[in-house]
PDB file of N, CA and C in Angstrom:
ATOM      1  N   ALA A   1     102.728 111.257  79.470  1.00  0.00           N
ATOM      2  CA  ALA A   1     103.295 112.147  79.190  1.00  0.00           C
ATOM      3  C   ALA A   1     103.835 112.354  77.896  1.00  0.00           C
ATOM      4  N   LEU A   2     103.901 113.566  77.515  1.00  0.00           N
ATOM      5  CA  LEU A   2     105.069 113.931  76.139  1.00  0.00           C
ATOM      6  C   LEU A   2     106.474 113.747  76.180  1.00  0.00           C
ATOM      7  N   SER A   3     106.599 113.135  75.178  1.00  0.00           N
ATOM      8  CA  SER A   3     108.077 112.591  74.948  1.00  0.00           C
ATOM      9  C   SER A   3     108.900 114.339  74.194  1.00  0.00           C
ATOM     10  N   ASP A   4     109.770 113.915  74.917  1.00  0.00           N
ATOM     11  CA  ASP A   4     110.892 115.133  73.887  1.00  0.00           C
ATOM     12  C   ASP A   4     110.247 116.035  72.109  1.00  0.00           C
ATOM     13  N   GLU A   5     109.905 115.099  71.616  1.00  0.00           N
ATOM     14  CA  GLU A   5     109.708 116.072  70.606  1.00  0.00           C
ATOM     15  C   GLU A   5     107.917 116.450  70.281  1.00  0.00           C
ATOM     16  N   GLY A   6     106.760 116.368  71.588  1.00  0.00           N
ATOM     17  CA  GLY A   6     106.331 116.393  71.598  1.00  0.00           C
ATOM     18  C   GLY A   6     105.149 115.471  70.028  1.00  0.00           C
ATOM     19  N   GLN A   7     105.413 114.596  70.460  1.00  0.00           N
ATOM     20  CA  GLN A   7     105.018 113.703  69.225  1.00  0.00           C
ATOM     21  C   GLN A   7     104.149 112.457  70.106  1.00  0.00           C
ATOM     22  N   GLU A   8     104.800 112.035  71.549  1.00  0.00           N
ATOM     23  CA  GLU A   8     104.204 110.910  72.265  1.00  0.00           C
ATOM     24  C   GLU A   8     103.549 111.121  73.238  1.00  0.00           C
ATOM     25  N   ILE A   9     102.619 110.243  73.894  1.00  0.00           N
ATOM     26  CA  ILE A   9     101.881 110.214  75.043  1.00  0.00           C
ATOM     27  C   ILE A   9     101.903 108.665  75.554  1.00  0.00           C
ATOM     28  N   LEU A  10     102.074 109.209  76.831  1.00  0.00           N
ATOM     29  CA  LEU A  10     102.034 107.974  77.159  1.00  0.00           C
ATOM     30  C   LEU A  10     100.816 107.627  77.441  1.00  0.00           C
ATOM     31  N   LEU A  11     100.153 106.567  77.313  1.00  0.00           N
ATOM     32  CA  LEU A  11      98.361 106.335  78.199  1.00  0.00           C
ATOM     33  C   LEU A  11      97.991 105.443  78.508  1.00  0.00           C
ATOM     34  N   SER A  12      99.777 104.511  79.355  1.00  0.00           N
ATOM     35  CA  SER A  12      98.980 103.761  80.416  1.00  0.00           C
ATOM     36  C   SER A  12      99.767 103.735  81.134  1.00  0.00           C
ATOM     37  N   PRO A  13     100.338 103.212  82.631  1.00  0.00           N
ATOM     38  CA  PRO A  13     101.936 102.727  82.920  1.00  0.00           C
ATOM     39  C   PRO A  13     102.634 101.775  82.678  1.00  0.00           C
ATOM     40  N   GLU A  14     103.790 102.111  82.761  1.00  0.00           N
ATOM     41  CA  GLU A  14     104.296 101.223  82.007  1.00  0.00           C
ATOM     42  C   GLU A  14     103.869  99.416  82.853  1.00  0.00           C
ATOM     43  N   VAL A  15     104.013  98.260  82.120  1.00  0.00           N
ATOM     44  CA  VAL A  15     103.948  97.442  83.021  1.00  0.00           C
ATOM     45  C   VAL A  15     105.279  95.962  82.794  1.00  0.00           C
ATOM     46  N   THR A  16     105.463  95.726  83.982  1.00  0.00           N
ATOM     47  CA  THR A  16     106.773  94.897  83.683  1.00  0.00           C
ATOM     48  C   THR A  16     106.626  93.968  84.577  1.00  0.00           C
ATOM     49  N   TYR A  17     107.459  93.046  83.690  1.00  0.00           N
ATOM     50  CA  TYR A  17     107.452  91.428  84.409  1.00  0.00           C
ATOM     51  C   TYR A  17     108.949  91.123  84.416  1.00  0.00           C
ATOM     52  N   GLY A  18     109.151  89.940  85.556  1.00  0.00           N
ATOM     53  CA  GLY A  18     110.694  89.859  86.385  1.00  0.00           C
ATOM     54  C   GLY A  18     110.254  88.366  87.011  1.00  0.00           C
ATOM     55  N   PRO A  19     111.457  87.425  87.552  1.00  0.00           N
ATOM     56  CA  PRO A  19     112.426  88.587  87.460  1.00  0.00           C
ATOM     57  C   PRO A  19     113.656  89.086  86.367  1.00  0.00           C
ATOM     58  N   PRO A  20     114.196  89.851  86.699  1.00  0.00           N
ATOM     59  CA  PRO A  20     115.128  90.180  85.073  1.00  0.00           C
ATOM     60  C   PRO A  20     115.654  88.771  84.553  1.00  0.00           C
ATOM     61  N   GLY A  21     115.770  88.429  83.282  1.00  0.00           N
ATOM     62  CA  GLY A  21     116.489  87.020  82.739  1.00  0.00           C
ATOM     63  C   GLY A  21     115.451  86.356  82.722  1.00  0.00           C
ATOM     64  N   LEU A  22     114.378  86.870  82.676  1.00  0.00           N
ATOM     65  CA  LEU A  22     113.256  85.523  83.112  1.00  0.00           C
ATOM     66  C   LEU A  22     112.494  85.402  81.316  1.00  0.00           C
ATOM     67  N   THR A  23     112.642  84.358  81.048  1.00  0.00           N
ATOM     68  CA  THR A  23     112.661  83.483  79.508  1.00  0.00           C
ATOM     69  C   THR A  23     110.921  83.369  79.648  1.00  0.00           C
ATOM     70  N   LEU A  24     110.290  83.447  78.554  1.00  0.00           N
ATOM     71  CA  LEU A  24     108.399  83.162  79.283  1.00  0.00           C
ATOM     72  C   LEU A  24     108.880  81.830  78.138  1.00  0.00           C
ATOM     73  N   SER A  25     108.346  80.424  78.460  1.00  0.00           N
ATOM     74  CA  SER A  25     108.012  78.941  78.019  1.00  0.00           C
ATOM     75  C   SER A  25     107.291  79.176  76.529  1.00  0.00           C
ATOM     76  N   CYS A  26     105.960  79.855  77.063  1.00  0.00           N
ATOM     77  CA  CYS A  26     105.157  80.236  75.761  1.00  0.00           C
ATOM     78  C   CYS A  26     104.051  81.289  76.058  1.00  0.00           C
ATOM     79  N   PRO A  27     103.658  81.788  74.750  1.00  0.00           N
ATOM     80  CA  PRO A  27     102.992  83.072  74.424  1.00  0.00           C
ATOM     81  C   PRO A  27     102.120  83.217  75.359  1.00  0.00           C
ATOM     82  N   VAL A  28     102.149  84.927  76.206  1.00  0.00           N
ATOM     83  CA  VAL A  28     101.040  84.933  76.927  1.00  0.00           C
ATOM     84  C   VAL A  28     100.212  86.376  76.536  1.00  0.00           C
ATOM     85  N   ALA A  29      98.777  86.258  76.792  1.00  0.00           N
ATOM     86  CA  ALA A  29      98.544  87.891  76.725  1.00  0.00           C
ATOM     87  C   ALA A  29      98.469  88.618  77.821  1.00  0.00           C
ATOM     88  N   LEU A  30      98.365  90.335  77.526  1.00  0.00           N
ATOM     89  CA  LEU A  30      98.017  90.824  78.563  1.00  0.00           C
ATOM     90  C   LEU A  30      97.409  91.581  78.217  1.00  0.00           C
ATOM     91  N   THR A  31      96.579  92.370  78.828  1.00  0.00           N
ATOM     92  CA  THR A  31      95.251  93.364  78.738  1.00  0.00           C
ATOM     93  C   THR A  31      96.090  94.613  79.582  1.00  0.00           C
ATOM     94  N   ILE A  32      96.275  95.928  78.649  1.00  0.00           N
ATOM     95  CA  ILE A  32      96.960  96.578  79.904  1.00  0.00           C
ATOM     96  C   ILE A  32      95.167  97.792  79.533  1.00  0.00           C
ATOM     97  N   ALA A  33      94.873  98.514  80.978  1.00  0.00           N
ATOM     98  CA  ALA A  33      94.031  99.325  80.316  1.00  0.00           C
ATOM     99  C   ALA A  33      94.878 100.643  80.239  1.00  0.00           C
ATOM    100  N   HIS A  34      93.935 101.728  78.763  1.00  0.00           N
ATOM    101  CA  HIS A  34      94.891 102.849  78.993  1.00  0.00           C
ATOM    102  C   HIS A  34      93.995 104.128  78.390  1.00  0.00           C
ATOM    103  N   CYS A  35      94.353 104.848  78.379  1.00  0.00           N
ATOM    104  CA  CYS A  35      92.842 106.471  78.272  1.00  0.00           C
ATOM    105  C   CYS A  35      92.948 106.673  76.800  1.00  0.00           C
ATOM    106  N   ALA A  36      92.991 105.902  75.710  1.00  0.00           N
ATOM    107  CA  ALA A  36      92.939 106.755  74.406  1.00  0.00           C
ATOM    108  C   ALA A  36      91.356 106.376  73.636  1.00  0.00           C
ATOM    109  N   ASP A  37      91.235 107.154  73.020  1.00  0.00           N
ATOM    110  CA  ASP A  37      90.055 106.880  72.382  1.00  0.00           C
ATOM    111  C   ASP A  37      90.169 106.176  71.413  1.00  0.00           C
ATOM    112  N   VAL A  38      89.689 104.950  71.528  1.00  0.00           N
ATOM    113  CA  VAL A  38      90.075 104.437  70.277  1.00  0.00           C
ATOM    114  C   VAL A  38      88.919 104.467  69.258  1.00  0.00           C
ATOM    115  N   SER A  39      87.806 105.404  68.981  1.00  0.00           N
ATOM    116  CA  SER A  39      86.730 105.559  68.287  1.00  0.00           C
ATOM    117  C   SER A  39      87.394 106.142  67.314  1.00  0.00           C
ATOM    118  N   SER A  40      88.499 107.712  67.785  1.00  0.00           N
ATOM    119  CA  SER A  40      89.122 108.544  67.091  1.00  0.00           C
ATOM    120  C   SER A  40      89.561 107.759  65.692  1.00  0.00           C
ATOM    121  N   GLU A  41      90.003 108.354  64.719  1.00  0.00           N
ATOM    122  CA  GLU A  41      91.156 107.449  63.833  1.00  0.00           C
ATOM    123  C   GLU A  41      92.430 108.531  64.044  1.00  0.00           C
ATOM    124  N   ASP A  42      92.047 109.570  64.959  1.00  0.00           N
ATOM    125  CA  ASP A  42      94.164 110.216  65.037  1.00  0.00           C
ATOM    126  C   ASP A  42      94.757 109.149  65.799  1.00  0.00           C
ATOM    127  N   TRP A  43      94.023 108.555  66.407  1.00  0.00           N
ATOM    128  CA  TRP A  43      95.365 107.929  67.129  1.00  0.00           C
ATOM    129  C   TRP A  43      96.393 106.955  66.751  1.00  0.00           C
ATOM    130  N   ASN A  44      97.202 106.747  66.703  1.00  0.00           N
ATOM    131  CA  ASN A  44      98.443 105.056  65.839  1.00  0.00           C
ATOM    132  C   ASN A  44      98.922 104.634  67.455  1.00  0.00           C
ATOM    133  N   ILE A  45      98.177 103.894  67.705  1.00  0.00           N
ATOM    134  CA  ILE A  45      98.385 103.053  68.880  1.00  0.00           C
ATOM    135  C   ILE A  45     100.297 102.273  68.286  1.00  0.00           C
ATOM    136  N   LYS A  46     100.752 102.461  69.684  1.00  0.00           N
ATOM    137  CA  LYS A  46     102.506 101.330  69.402  1.00  0.00           C
ATOM    138  C   LYS A  46     102.155 100.661  71.042  1.00  0.00           C
ATOM    139  N   LEU A  47     102.750  99.554  70.723  1.00  0.00           N
ATOM    140  CA  LEU A  47     103.657  99.107  71.271  1.00  0.00           C
ATOM    141  C   LEU A  47     104.924  99.215  71.478  1.00  0.00           C
ATOM    142  N   LYS A  48     105.764  99.508  72.866  1.00  0.00           N
ATOM    143  CA  LYS A  48     106.656  99.975  73.004  1.00  0.00           C
ATOM    144  C   LYS A  48     107.096  99.021  73.707  1.00  0.00           C
ATOM    145  N   ARG A  49     108.702  98.449  74.024  1.00  0.00           N
ATOM    146  CA  ARG A  49     109.215  97.314  75.208  1.00  0.00           C
ATOM    147  C   ARG A  49     110.633  98.544  75.923  1.00  0.00           C
ATOM    148  N   GLN A  50     110.920  98.096  76.645  1.00  0.00           N
ATOM    149  CA  GLN A  50     112.687  98.387  77.033  1.00  0.00           C
ATOM    150  C   GLN A  50     113.875  97.550  77.078  1.00  0.00           C
ATOM    151  N   THR A  51     114.394  97.661  76.259  1.00  0.00           N
ATOM    152  CA  THR A  51     115.380  96.490  75.923  1.00  0.00           C
ATOM    153  C   THR A  51     116.906  96.856  77.510  1.00  0.00           C
ATOM    154  N   GLN A  52     117.179  95.148  77.675  1.00  0.00           N
ATOM    155  CA  GLN A  52     117.960  95.058  78.060  1.00  0.00           C
ATOM    156  C   GLN A  52     119.335  96.906  78.144  1.00  0.00           C
ATOM    157  N   ASP A  53     119.915  97.032  77.582  1.00  0.00           N
ATOM    158  CA  ASP A  53     120.370  98.350  77.833  1.00  0.00           C
ATOM    159  C   ASP A  53     119.651  99.350  77.485  1.00  0.00           C
ATOM    160  N   ASN A  54     118.281  99.288  78.682  1.00  0.00           N
ATOM    161  CA  ASN A  54     117.269 100.556  78.647  1.00  0.00           C
ATOM    162  C   ASN A  54     116.886 101.869  77.249  1.00  0.00           C
ATOM    163  N   SER A  55     116.983 101.279  76.105  1.00  0.00           N
ATOM    164  CA  SER A  55     116.891 102.314  75.421  1.00  0.00           C
ATOM    165  C   SER A  55     115.420 101.140  75.204  1.00  0.00           C
ATOM    166  N   TRP A  56     114.450 102.142  74.278  1.00  0.00           N
ATOM    167  CA  TRP A  56     113.090 101.931  73.947  1.00  0.00           C
ATOM    168  C   TRP A  56     113.205 101.188  72.706  1.00  0.00           C
ATOM    169  N   GLU A  57     112.217 100.228  72.441  1.00  0.00           N
ATOM    170  CA  GLU A  57     111.961 100.369  70.641  1.00  0.00           C
ATOM    171  C   GLU A  57     110.536  99.561  70.627  1.00  0.00           C
TER     172      GLU A  57
END
């Protein structure tokens, strides 16, 4: 989905883990399926997270 500015496209479903407040005791690796054409130089792929106050960074 395009953002309000038309500058961003959601390339995969949202991934969540929990329960809320869970603190991981060691690093984890996630593999997330997406629809980006990674052979194209036009993509600038960024991973975002939603904070506890529901803002995205």
